[in-house]
Amino acid sequence: MNQYQVPQGNEVDLGQLFWDVIKRWKMVFTITLIGAAIALGIALGSPQIYKPVIHISLPNDAHVEHFNQESVVKMEGRELFRRFYQALRSEVNFRLYLSEYMPSINEGERIDAKVAEDLSINSFISSLEVVMLEPYGGRDAYIEYPSLIELGFRSSDEAVAVKLLNEYVVYTNKSLLMDLKHQLFRITHQRLDQINTRISTLRKTAAFKREQKIKRLEAKRSLEISQLKNNKRALIDLASRNQKATLERVRESLVIAESLNIEDPHPQANLITDGGETNTSGSQSAPLYLMGVRYLKALQEILSKRKGDVIFLKEVNEIDSRIEAIINDPELTQLKNRASDDPYIDELPELMEEADDLKVKDPSFEGIMLYQISKPASITGEAIKPDRLSIAVFGVSLAAIVALFVAVFVEGNRRRKVKAHGNGSHSGVVLKIRGGS
């Protein structure tokens, strides 16, 4: 005969409870099996998520050199790669890529709803991962001049993700080069405008300087001519006064010679100079009347008919020559007749040469790559999600725990019923369970 002692109050016999739960192993096994089946169904039913990656590094030096040969703005390889990196991260750039290239992703095949959702812009933004490998910056970190980046994309269709990544890199390179070409076109025209403005300014400045120089030369010429003419008038006036004085002396000498009956020149007449009474040595010469009446009359007639002594003044002729030379100044004549100031502008040839180069500048960036692919995106068949083994293990463990709790709950409920029955008939006594004989 077996007997079972019902614990008094709230006492629980854990050992006995454990063995009673073990007796319900079928229940535990069944619940665990059901849970494992559910976990396995979830693991097998969850869509696989793939994340192909592409490694991109600085462009080749040959491509950078080719770019700088075509461009009016020189850039280093790291600057080109920085712009390429920014374009890759640009949502606007990706929108354009989707609008132009998404129909070609499956080569005309129908894209199911899930793939279409993966390819949506919002999904792309959340699925795109950019990691700085050199220098390392972590996910979504911004480094001004990266040298090696990893571009990854999560999708349930690995083939689509691989094609999207590879084509997106090519598209970004093409669109960036096109943008750079447009920017360089604007820069070229801005530079042409600057050069043309500079040329116009230089020409106006040169013309203004030439006109100012002409005015200065004309003013100087006018002043010099005026001074020379004044000198000429002064010489002429002096010569005219000298002529009148000489004529008056001749007349006086003629009167004296007539009164002295000196008809012919006196022997001492060789001491008389033309129109004067002193010889070349500065000593006192003989009086003019000693030249005699006939000489003096002839001299008086000549002097009376002479209109002026200008032709006998060497200084006046020299002044006329100087005035003529000033009037015909070759520098002033050349400045007035100059058709263009361009040959006299030192800066102009270089500017015009640069302008001519810019006018024919039509950069062709065909074949230039602003990046290098260190590792292309490829199909590996290795999904990053879900981890089916982990899901299965977790599901089985959880199901086993739930099964144990259910078994404990059922056994506990049974005990409460036994206890309640014992309290109703034989409170506090031993409940004997008979079996067999």
Protein backbone atom coordinates (compact mmCIF):
# COMPACT_ATOMS: atom_id res chain seq x y z
CA MET A 1 0.00 0.00 0.00
CA ASN A 2 1.32 3.50 -1.02
CA GLN A 3 0.41 6.64 0.79
CA TYR A 4 0.70 10.27 -0.19
CA GLN A 5 1.10 12.95 2.49
CA VAL A 6 -0.62 16.20 1.56
CA PRO A 7 1.55 19.10 2.75
CA GLN A 8 -0.04 21.35 5.31
CA GLY A 9 -0.65 25.07 4.59
CA ASN A 10 1.54 26.43 1.72
CA GLU A 11 4.30 23.83 1.92
CA VAL A 12 5.46 22.45 -1.48
CA ASP A 13 7.47 19.32 -1.93
CA LEU A 14 9.67 20.36 -4.94
CA GLY A 15 11.22 16.97 -5.36
CA GLN A 16 7.88 15.29 -5.53
CA LEU A 17 6.66 18.08 -7.88
CA PHE A 18 9.65 17.50 -10.21
CA TRP A 19 8.95 13.77 -10.44
CA ASP A 20 5.26 14.45 -11.04
CA VAL A 21 6.20 16.80 -13.90
CA ILE A 22 8.52 14.17 -15.33
CA LYS A 23 5.61 11.81 -15.33
CA ARG A 24 3.96 14.25 -17.75
CA TRP A 25 6.81 13.95 -20.28
CA LYS A 26 4.44 13.27 -23.10
CA MET A 27 2.81 16.67 -22.57
CA VAL A 28 6.21 18.38 -22.35
CA PHE A 29 7.50 16.60 -25.44
CA THR A 30 4.34 17.36 -27.42
CA ILE A 31 4.37 21.08 -26.60
CA THR A 32 8.11 21.31 -27.29
CA LEU A 33 7.65 19.53 -30.60
CA ILE A 34 4.85 21.89 -31.58
CA GLY A 35 6.99 24.91 -30.63
CA ALA A 36 9.95 23.55 -32.56
CA ALA A 37 7.75 23.01 -35.59
CA ILE A 38 6.48 26.58 -35.35
CA ALA A 39 10.05 27.95 -34.95
CA LEU A 40 11.23 25.88 -37.87
CA GLY A 41 8.34 27.14 -39.96
CA ILE A 42 9.20 30.73 -39.09
CA ALA A 43 12.90 30.14 -39.87
CA LEU A 44 12.13 28.49 -43.19
CA GLY A 45 9.38 30.93 -44.06
CA SER A 46 11.34 34.14 -43.36
CA PRO A 47 12.70 35.71 -46.57
CA GLN A 48 16.46 35.68 -46.95
CA ILE A 49 18.20 39.04 -46.94
CA TYR A 50 21.46 39.48 -48.84
CA LYS A 51 23.97 42.31 -48.67
CA PRO A 52 26.41 42.38 -51.55
CA VAL A 53 29.19 44.98 -51.19
CA ILE A 54 31.49 46.83 -53.55
CA HIS A 55 34.82 48.36 -52.52
CA ILE A 56 35.72 51.63 -54.20
CA SER A 57 39.05 53.48 -53.96
CA LEU A 58 40.84 56.56 -55.35
CA PRO A 59 40.95 56.97 -59.14
CA ASN A 60 43.92 55.97 -61.23
CA ASP A 61 46.54 58.69 -61.81
CA ALA A 62 46.15 58.35 -65.58
CA HIS A 63 42.44 59.15 -65.34
CA VAL A 64 43.14 62.14 -63.09
CA GLU A 65 45.72 63.44 -65.57
CA HIS A 66 43.28 62.95 -68.44
CA PHE A 67 40.63 64.90 -66.55
CA ASN A 68 43.01 67.80 -65.85
CA GLN A 69 44.07 67.92 -69.51
CA GLU A 70 40.45 68.37 -70.56
CA SER A 71 39.39 70.62 -67.69
CA VAL A 72 39.99 74.33 -67.19
CA VAL A 73 40.04 73.65 -63.45
CA LYS A 74 42.73 71.33 -62.13
CA MET A 75 41.77 68.86 -59.40
CA GLU A 76 43.61 66.27 -57.37
CA GLY A 77 42.52 62.65 -57.34
CA ARG A 78 41.29 62.84 -53.76
CA GLU A 79 39.10 65.85 -54.59
CA LEU A 80 37.52 64.01 -57.52
CA PHE A 81 36.96 60.96 -55.33
CA ARG A 82 35.42 63.15 -52.60
CA ARG A 83 32.90 64.47 -55.09
CA PHE A 84 32.22 60.97 -56.32
CA TYR A 85 31.63 59.81 -52.74
CA GLN A 86 29.21 62.68 -52.12
CA ALA A 87 27.34 61.83 -55.33
CA LEU A 88 27.01 58.19 -54.23
CA ARG A 89 25.38 59.33 -50.99
CA SER A 90 23.07 61.79 -52.73
CA GLU A 91 19.39 60.87 -52.58
CA VAL A 92 18.74 63.10 -55.59
CA ASN A 93 21.33 61.19 -57.59
CA PHE A 94 19.74 57.87 -56.67
CA ARG A 95 16.26 59.12 -57.57
CA LEU A 96 17.52 59.97 -61.02
CA TYR A 97 19.23 56.60 -61.25
CA LEU A 98 16.00 54.76 -60.41
CA SER A 99 13.96 56.81 -62.86
CA GLU A 100 16.39 56.02 -65.70
CA TYR A 101 17.74 52.57 -64.91
CA MET A 102 15.25 50.65 -62.78
CA PRO A 103 13.45 49.21 -65.83
CA SER A 104 16.71 47.53 -66.86
CA ILE A 105 17.39 45.86 -63.51
CA ASN A 106 15.48 42.72 -64.40
CA GLU A 107 16.00 43.22 -68.12
CA GLY A 108 12.34 43.76 -68.81
CA GLU A 109 11.11 40.98 -66.55
CA ARG A 110 8.28 41.66 -64.12
CA ILE A 111 9.51 42.78 -60.72
CA ASP A 112 7.44 41.32 -57.88
CA ALA A 113 6.02 43.47 -55.09
CA LYS A 114 8.77 42.69 -52.58
CA VAL A 115 11.59 43.51 -54.99
CA ALA A 116 9.80 46.69 -56.03
CA GLU A 117 9.53 47.65 -52.37
CA ASP A 118 13.23 46.93 -51.85
CA LEU A 119 14.01 49.18 -54.76
CA SER A 120 11.93 52.07 -53.46
CA ILE A 121 13.78 55.19 -52.51
CA ASN A 122 13.01 55.02 -48.81
CA SER A 123 14.00 51.38 -48.71
CA PHE A 124 17.24 52.18 -50.50
CA ILE A 125 18.13 54.94 -48.06
CA SER A 126 17.67 52.55 -45.14
CA SER A 127 19.30 49.63 -46.95
CA LEU A 128 22.36 51.45 -48.26
CA GLU A 129 25.42 51.19 -46.06
CA VAL A 130 28.57 53.23 -46.59
CA VAL A 131 31.56 52.28 -44.47
CA MET A 132 34.87 54.11 -44.51
CA LEU A 133 37.58 51.50 -44.74
CA GLU A 134 40.48 53.91 -45.17
CA PRO A 135 40.55 55.97 -43.06
CA TYR A 136 38.05 54.09 -40.93
CA GLY A 137 35.06 56.13 -39.87
CA GLY A 138 32.34 53.61 -39.17
CA ARG A 139 28.89 53.38 -40.65
CA ASP A 140 27.45 56.65 -41.98
CA ALA A 141 30.49 58.60 -40.75
CA TYR A 142 31.51 61.57 -42.85
CA ILE A 143 35.15 61.95 -43.78
CA GLU A 144 36.09 64.74 -46.13
CA TYR A 145 38.69 62.81 -48.10
CA PRO A 146 38.09 59.04 -47.96
CA SER A 147 40.47 56.79 -49.84
CA LEU A 148 38.59 53.50 -49.65
CA ILE A 149 34.87 52.99 -49.07
CA GLU A 150 32.53 50.05 -48.95
CA LEU A 151 29.12 50.42 -50.51
CA GLY A 152 26.62 47.75 -49.48
CA PHE A 153 22.94 47.19 -50.19
CA ARG A 154 20.51 44.88 -48.39
CA SER A 155 17.86 43.16 -50.48
CA SER A 156 15.88 39.93 -50.66
CA ASP A 157 17.05 39.51 -54.28
CA GLU A 158 20.82 39.24 -54.33
CA ALA A 159 21.07 39.38 -58.12
CA VAL A 160 19.08 42.60 -58.25
CA ALA A 161 21.16 44.11 -55.44
CA VAL A 162 24.43 43.18 -57.19
CA LYS A 163 23.31 44.63 -60.50
CA LEU A 164 21.97 47.72 -58.80
CA LEU A 165 25.24 48.38 -56.98
CA ASN A 166 27.48 47.87 -60.00
CA GLU A 167 25.31 49.90 -62.33
CA TYR A 168 24.74 52.62 -59.74
CA VAL A 169 28.49 53.18 -59.43
CA VAL A 170 28.83 53.44 -63.21
CA TYR A 171 25.81 55.74 -63.43
CA THR A 172 27.14 57.98 -60.65
CA ASN A 173 30.49 58.29 -62.44
CA LYS A 174 28.74 59.24 -65.67
CA SER A 175 26.33 61.72 -64.07
CA LEU A 176 29.09 63.33 -62.01
CA LEU A 177 31.27 63.81 -65.08
CA MET A 178 28.29 65.37 -66.83
CA ASP A 179 27.70 67.69 -63.88
CA LEU A 180 31.39 68.60 -63.82
CA LYS A 181 31.27 69.30 -67.54
CA HIS A 182 28.31 71.66 -67.04
CA GLN A 183 30.08 73.33 -64.14
CA LEU A 184 33.23 73.74 -66.19
CA PHE A 185 31.14 75.13 -69.04
CA ARG A 186 29.77 77.80 -66.70
CA ILE A 187 33.23 78.46 -65.28
CA THR A 188 34.62 78.78 -68.81
CA HIS A 189 31.99 81.33 -69.80
CA GLN A 190 32.46 83.22 -66.56
CA ARG A 191 36.19 83.33 -67.22
CA LEU A 192 35.55 84.45 -70.81
CA ASP A 193 33.32 87.23 -69.50
CA GLN A 194 36.04 88.23 -67.05
CA ILE A 195 38.67 88.20 -69.80
CA ASN A 196 36.48 90.19 -72.18
CA THR A 197 35.72 92.69 -69.44
CA ARG A 198 39.43 92.94 -68.66
CA ILE A 199 40.29 93.40 -72.34
CA SER A 200 37.65 96.09 -72.70
CA THR A 201 38.96 97.84 -69.59
CA LEU A 202 42.55 97.67 -70.83
CA ARG A 203 41.55 99.08 -74.22
CA LYS A 204 39.55 101.91 -72.66
CA THR A 205 42.42 102.65 -70.30
CA ALA A 206 44.93 102.64 -73.14
CA ALA A 207 42.71 104.92 -75.25
CA PHE A 208 42.24 107.26 -72.30
CA LYS A 209 45.98 107.35 -71.61
CA ARG A 210 46.66 108.01 -75.30
CA GLU A 211 44.15 110.85 -75.39
CA GLN A 212 45.60 112.30 -72.21
CA LYS A 213 49.10 112.05 -73.67
CA ILE A 214 47.92 113.74 -76.87
CA LYS A 215 46.43 116.56 -74.81
CA ARG A 216 49.62 116.92 -72.80
CA LEU A 217 51.76 116.90 -75.93
CA GLU A 218 49.49 119.40 -77.65
CA ALA A 219 49.56 121.63 -74.59
CA LYS A 220 53.33 121.36 -74.45
CA ARG A 221 53.60 121.97 -78.20
CA SER A 222 51.31 124.96 -78.00
CA LEU A 223 53.36 126.40 -75.16
CA GLU A 224 56.66 125.83 -76.95
CA ILE A 225 55.34 127.30 -80.20
CA SER A 226 53.96 130.27 -78.33
CA GLN A 227 57.30 130.86 -76.63
CA LEU A 228 59.18 130.52 -79.92
CA LYS A 229 56.81 132.93 -81.66
CA ASN A 230 57.26 135.41 -78.86
CA ASN A 231 61.02 135.06 -79.23
CA LYS A 232 60.67 135.52 -82.99
CA ARG A 233 58.56 138.65 -82.58
CA ALA A 234 61.04 140.01 -80.11
CA LEU A 235 63.90 139.41 -82.56
CA ILE A 236 61.94 140.96 -85.41
CA ASP A 237 61.05 143.98 -83.30
CA LEU A 238 64.67 144.36 -82.26
CA ALA A 239 65.82 144.03 -85.89
CA SER A 240 63.25 146.61 -86.97
CA ARG A 241 64.40 149.05 -84.33
CA ASN A 242 68.01 148.41 -85.26
CA GLN A 243 67.15 149.05 -88.93
CA LYS A 244 65.50 152.38 -88.13
CA ALA A 245 68.39 153.40 -85.92
CA THR A 246 70.90 152.49 -88.62
CA LEU A 247 68.90 154.40 -91.26
CA GLU A 248 68.80 157.43 -88.99
CA ARG A 249 72.58 157.30 -88.47
CA VAL A 250 73.09 156.93 -92.21
CA ARG A 251 70.97 160.03 -92.83
CA GLU A 252 72.87 162.03 -90.24
CA SER A 253 76.18 160.79 -91.63
CA LEU A 254 75.02 161.74 -95.15
CA VAL A 255 74.29 165.29 -94.04
CA ILE A 256 77.69 165.54 -92.44
CA ALA A 257 79.42 164.08 -95.50
CA GLU A 258 77.65 166.57 -97.79
CA SER A 259 78.54 169.45 -95.56
CA LEU A 260 82.20 168.32 -95.53
CA ASN A 261 82.17 167.57 -99.28
CA ILE A 262 83.34 164.04 -98.70
CA GLU A 263 82.26 162.46 -101.91
CA ASP A 264 84.25 159.27 -101.76
CA PRO A 265 85.25 157.11 -98.82
CA HIS A 266 88.05 158.54 -96.66
CA PRO A 267 91.15 156.37 -96.20
CA GLN A 268 90.15 155.72 -92.63
CA ALA A 269 86.77 154.39 -93.79
CA ASN A 270 88.02 150.82 -93.63
CA LEU A 271 87.60 151.04 -89.88
CA ILE A 272 83.83 151.44 -90.21
CA THR A 273 81.62 148.39 -89.65
CA ASP A 274 78.20 147.78 -91.15
CA GLY A 275 75.83 150.08 -89.37
CA GLY A 276 78.15 150.66 -86.44
CA GLU A 277 80.93 152.88 -85.26
CA THR A 278 83.14 150.33 -83.58
CA ASN A 279 85.35 147.76 -85.21
CA THR A 280 85.45 144.09 -84.42
CA SER A 281 88.21 144.61 -81.90
CA GLY A 282 85.94 146.79 -79.82
CA SER A 283 88.09 149.95 -80.35
CA GLN A 284 86.55 153.15 -81.57
CA SER A 285 86.05 153.16 -85.36
CA ALA A 286 86.04 156.02 -87.74
CA PRO A 287 82.85 158.07 -88.17
CA LEU A 288 80.35 156.80 -90.75
CA TYR A 289 80.35 160.09 -92.72
CA LEU A 290 83.90 159.23 -93.85
CA MET A 291 82.33 156.70 -96.24
CA GLY A 292 81.40 159.52 -98.45
CA VAL A 293 78.22 160.89 -99.96
CA ARG A 294 77.83 158.37 -102.72
CA TYR A 295 78.18 155.41 -100.42
CA LEU A 296 75.84 156.87 -97.84
CA LYS A 297 73.18 157.71 -100.43
CA ALA A 298 73.29 154.18 -101.79
CA LEU A 299 73.14 152.76 -98.28
CA GLN A 300 70.23 155.04 -97.38
CA GLU A 301 68.30 153.95 -100.47
CA ILE A 302 68.86 150.30 -99.72
CA LEU A 303 67.87 150.64 -96.10
CA SER A 304 64.77 152.63 -97.00
CA LYS A 305 63.56 149.99 -99.45
CA ARG A 306 64.34 147.06 -97.13
CA LYS A 307 61.07 145.74 -95.65
CA GLY A 308 62.83 144.14 -92.73
CA ASP A 309 65.96 142.47 -91.55
CA VAL A 310 64.23 139.17 -90.76
CA ILE A 311 65.88 137.36 -93.60
CA PHE A 312 69.22 138.42 -92.22
CA LEU A 313 68.45 137.05 -88.76
CA LYS A 314 69.79 133.53 -88.33
CA GLU A 315 67.98 133.11 -85.01
CA VAL A 316 64.61 133.73 -86.67
CA ASN A 317 65.23 131.05 -89.24
CA GLU A 318 66.21 128.66 -86.48
CA ILE A 319 63.01 129.49 -84.61
CA ASP A 320 60.94 128.83 -87.74
CA SER A 321 62.67 125.49 -88.16
CA ARG A 322 61.97 124.56 -84.54
CA ILE A 323 58.32 125.59 -84.88
CA GLU A 324 57.98 123.48 -88.02
CA ALA A 325 59.56 120.50 -86.24
CA ILE A 326 57.21 120.88 -83.27
CA ILE A 327 54.16 121.13 -85.54
CA ASN A 328 55.22 117.97 -87.36
CA ASP A 329 56.11 116.08 -84.16
CA PRO A 330 56.13 112.38 -85.25
CA GLU A 331 55.13 111.10 -81.80
CA LEU A 332 52.03 113.30 -81.68
CA THR A 333 51.19 112.48 -85.28
CA GLN A 334 51.54 108.77 -84.58
CA LEU A 335 49.34 109.00 -81.47
CA LYS A 336 46.63 110.82 -83.39
CA ASN A 337 46.73 108.42 -86.33
CA ARG A 338 46.89 105.25 -84.20
CA ALA A 339 44.03 102.95 -85.25
CA SER A 340 44.37 100.53 -82.32
CA ASP A 341 46.10 100.51 -78.97
CA ASP A 342 46.26 96.71 -78.81
CA PRO A 343 49.95 96.38 -79.79
CA TYR A 344 50.86 98.68 -76.92
CA ILE A 345 48.98 96.75 -74.19
CA ASP A 346 51.47 94.31 -72.65
CA GLU A 347 48.83 92.17 -70.92
CA LEU A 348 46.58 91.87 -73.95
CA PRO A 349 48.32 89.06 -75.94
CA GLU A 350 48.22 86.65 -73.00
CA LEU A 351 44.56 87.42 -72.30
CA MET A 352 43.55 87.01 -75.93
CA GLU A 353 45.45 83.73 -76.15
CA GLU A 354 43.66 82.45 -73.06
CA ALA A 355 40.31 83.59 -74.46
CA ASP A 356 40.98 81.79 -77.75
CA ASP A 357 41.84 78.60 -75.85
CA LEU A 358 38.66 78.85 -73.78
CA LYS A 359 36.48 79.42 -76.85
CA VAL A 360 37.56 76.13 -78.39
CA LYS A 361 37.57 74.28 -75.07
CA ASP A 362 35.09 71.42 -75.21
CA PRO A 363 36.09 68.88 -72.55
CA SER A 364 35.52 65.25 -73.38
CA PHE A 365 35.55 63.06 -70.29
CA GLU A 366 34.89 59.90 -72.26
CA GLY A 367 36.41 56.89 -70.53
CA ILE A 368 37.42 58.75 -67.38
CA MET A 369 36.74 56.90 -64.12
CA LEU A 370 36.68 58.93 -60.92
CA TYR A 371 37.18 55.78 -58.90
CA GLN A 372 38.71 52.30 -58.90
CA ILE A 373 36.88 49.13 -57.98
CA SER A 374 38.91 47.18 -55.45
CA LYS A 375 36.20 44.56 -55.04
CA PRO A 376 33.17 44.37 -57.36
CA ALA A 377 29.76 43.36 -56.09
CA SER A 378 29.09 39.70 -56.88
CA ILE A 379 26.57 36.96 -56.14
CA THR A 380 27.74 34.73 -53.27
CA GLY A 381 24.45 33.11 -52.19
CA GLU A 382 25.26 33.86 -48.55
CA ALA A 383 22.36 35.54 -46.79
CA ILE A 384 22.91 37.77 -43.78
CA LYS A 385 19.32 37.21 -42.58
CA PRO A 386 17.59 35.17 -41.24
CA ASP A 387 19.83 33.05 -38.99
CA ARG A 388 17.69 29.90 -39.26
CA LEU A 389 19.73 27.84 -36.86
CA SER A 390 19.46 30.50 -34.18
CA ILE A 391 15.73 30.84 -34.79
CA ALA A 392 15.27 27.05 -34.52
CA VAL A 393 17.34 26.78 -31.34
CA PHE A 394 15.56 29.71 -29.79
CA GLY A 395 12.16 28.31 -30.79
CA VAL A 396 12.87 24.86 -29.35
CA SER A 397 14.24 26.35 -26.12
CA LEU A 398 11.26 28.64 -25.75
CA ALA A 399 8.85 25.77 -26.48
CA ALA A 400 10.56 23.56 -23.88
CA ILE A 401 10.30 26.30 -21.25
CA VAL A 402 6.65 26.86 -22.10
CA ALA A 403 6.03 23.09 -21.92
CA LEU A 404 7.60 22.88 -18.46
CA PHE A 405 5.54 25.81 -17.23
CA VAL A 406 2.39 24.16 -18.58
CA ALA A 407 3.29 20.86 -16.87
CA VAL A 408 3.96 22.63 -13.56
CA PHE A 409 0.73 24.54 -13.88
CA VAL A 410 -1.28 21.36 -14.56
CA GLU A 411 0.37 19.46 -11.69
CA GLY A 412 -0.09 22.38 -9.34
CA ASN A 413 -3.74 22.62 -10.25
CA ARG A 414 -4.14 18.90 -9.57
CA ARG A 415 -2.56 19.27 -6.16
CA ARG A 416 -4.87 22.07 -5.20
CA LYS A 417 -7.82 19.88 -6.05
CA VAL A 418 -6.40 17.01 -3.94
CA LYS A 419 -5.77 19.34 -1.06
CA ALA A 420 -9.25 20.80 -1.30
CA HIS A 421 -10.75 17.30 -1.26
CA GLY A 422 -8.66 16.29 1.78
CA ASN A 423 -9.67 19.35 3.77
CA GLY A 424 -13.32 18.60 3.16
CA SER A 425 -13.38 14.99 4.61
CA HIS A 426 -10.34 14.37 6.80
CA SER A 427 -8.74 17.66 7.64
CA GLY A 428 -5.11 17.29 8.65
CA VAL A 429 -5.02 13.49 8.34
CA VAL A 430 -2.95 11.31 6.07
CA LEU A 431 -4.54 10.50 2.74
CA LYS A 432 -3.87 6.89 1.85
CA ILE A 433 -4.07 5.70 -1.67
CA ARG A 434 -4.57 2.01 -1.99
CA GLY A 435 -3.52 0.17 -4.98
CA GLY A 436 -3.18 -3.37 -6.03
CA SER A 437 -4.13 -5.66 -3.11
